[in-house]
Amino acid sequence: MYYTYVLKSDRNSRYYIGYSSDIKLRLKAHNSGNVVATKNLRPWKISYVEEFQDEGDAIARERQIKSWKSRNAIEKLIFNKNRGSSIS
């Protein structure tokens, strides 16, 4: 399995979008400072996760979410997922 995820920084409420085959291990890497892009905004919490069978699909979804470049769009994605519906 592969996952596309959105993390939220407890420090300043910024979002980070990524993908991984082991989301628990990846979150640990983000929070231990092993990821250059996120080490200064620790701690991070998972706000959103999508599961995929294929790595290419997870990467494509990560790129799609990153292409939005809109905090509002990301927050809408998270809000709708938490309400039980999804956005494609």
Protein backbone atom coordinates (compact mmCIF):
# COMPACT_ATOMS: atom_id res chain seq x y z
CA MET A 1 0.00 0.00 0.00
CA TYR A 2 0.99 3.60 -0.61
CA TYR A 3 -0.34 6.72 1.02
CA THR A 4 -0.68 10.35 0.09
CA TYR A 5 -0.80 12.44 3.23
CA VAL A 6 -1.17 15.98 4.51
CA LEU A 7 0.64 16.97 7.68
CA LYS A 8 -0.07 20.07 9.73
CA SER A 9 2.57 21.81 11.80
CA ASP A 10 1.68 22.43 15.44
CA ARG A 11 4.18 25.29 15.41
CA ASN A 12 2.57 27.52 12.77
CA SER A 13 -0.33 25.54 11.21
CA ARG A 14 1.40 25.14 7.83
CA TYR A 15 0.70 22.09 5.68
CA TYR A 16 3.07 19.59 4.10
CA ILE A 17 1.96 17.14 1.40
CA GLY A 18 3.81 13.90 0.74
CA TYR A 19 3.52 10.20 -0.03
CA SER A 20 4.95 7.05 1.53
CA SER A 21 4.56 3.30 1.78
CA ASP A 22 4.86 3.47 5.59
CA ILE A 23 3.05 6.50 6.93
CA LYS A 24 3.89 5.87 10.62
CA LEU A 25 7.60 5.63 9.85
CA ARG A 26 7.43 8.69 7.60
CA LEU A 27 5.69 10.76 10.31
CA LYS A 28 8.40 9.68 12.74
CA ALA A 29 11.04 10.87 10.24
CA HIS A 30 9.31 14.25 9.91
CA ASN A 31 9.05 14.69 13.68
CA SER A 32 12.61 13.58 14.42
CA GLY A 33 14.05 16.20 12.07
CA ASN A 34 15.24 13.77 9.39
CA VAL A 35 13.31 15.54 6.61
CA VAL A 36 15.00 18.80 5.62
CA ALA A 37 11.79 20.43 4.33
CA THR A 38 9.93 19.94 7.61
CA LYS A 39 12.48 19.88 10.41
CA ASN A 40 12.07 23.55 11.40
CA LEU A 41 8.30 23.32 11.80
CA ARG A 42 8.05 20.32 14.13
CA PRO A 43 5.96 18.79 15.56
CA TRP A 44 3.69 17.54 12.77
CA LYS A 45 0.35 15.75 12.95
CA ILE A 46 -1.43 13.82 10.24
CA SER A 47 -4.45 15.76 8.97
CA TYR A 48 -5.36 13.70 5.92
CA VAL A 49 -4.52 10.33 4.34
CA GLU A 50 -5.52 8.59 1.11
CA GLU A 51 -4.59 4.97 0.40
CA PHE A 52 -3.48 3.62 -3.00
CA GLN A 53 -2.52 0.20 -4.36
CA ASP A 54 -0.07 1.68 -6.84
CA GLU A 55 2.87 3.97 -6.00
CA GLY A 56 2.33 5.94 -9.21
CA ASP A 57 -1.23 6.77 -8.16
CA ALA A 58 -0.04 8.03 -4.76
CA ILE A 59 2.61 10.20 -6.44
CA ALA A 60 0.07 11.57 -8.92
CA ARG A 61 -2.32 12.48 -6.10
CA GLU A 62 0.49 14.15 -4.14
CA ARG A 63 1.38 16.25 -7.19
CA GLN A 64 -2.27 17.13 -7.77
CA ILE A 65 -2.75 18.40 -4.21
CA LYS A 66 0.55 20.32 -4.34
CA SER A 67 -0.50 21.93 -7.63
CA TRP A 68 -3.49 23.56 -5.95
CA LYS A 69 -1.16 25.95 -4.08
CA SER A 70 -4.15 27.00 -2.03
CA ARG A 71 -4.51 26.62 1.70
CA ASN A 72 -8.29 26.87 1.29
CA ALA A 73 -8.37 23.94 -1.16
CA ILE A 74 -6.28 21.79 1.19
CA GLU A 75 -8.46 22.68 4.16
CA LYS A 76 -11.59 21.89 2.14
CA LEU A 77 -10.09 18.48 1.28
CA ILE A 78 -9.38 17.78 4.96
CA PHE A 79 -12.78 19.05 6.11
CA ASN A 80 -14.69 16.96 3.56
CA LYS A 81 -12.69 13.82 4.37
CA ASN A 82 -13.39 14.29 8.07
CA ARG A 83 -17.09 14.64 7.28
CA GLY A 84 -17.08 11.31 5.44
CA SER A 85 -17.01 12.50 1.84
CA SER A 86 -14.08 12.87 -0.51
CA ILE A 87 -12.89 15.14 -3.28
CA SER A 88 -11.16 13.76 -6.35
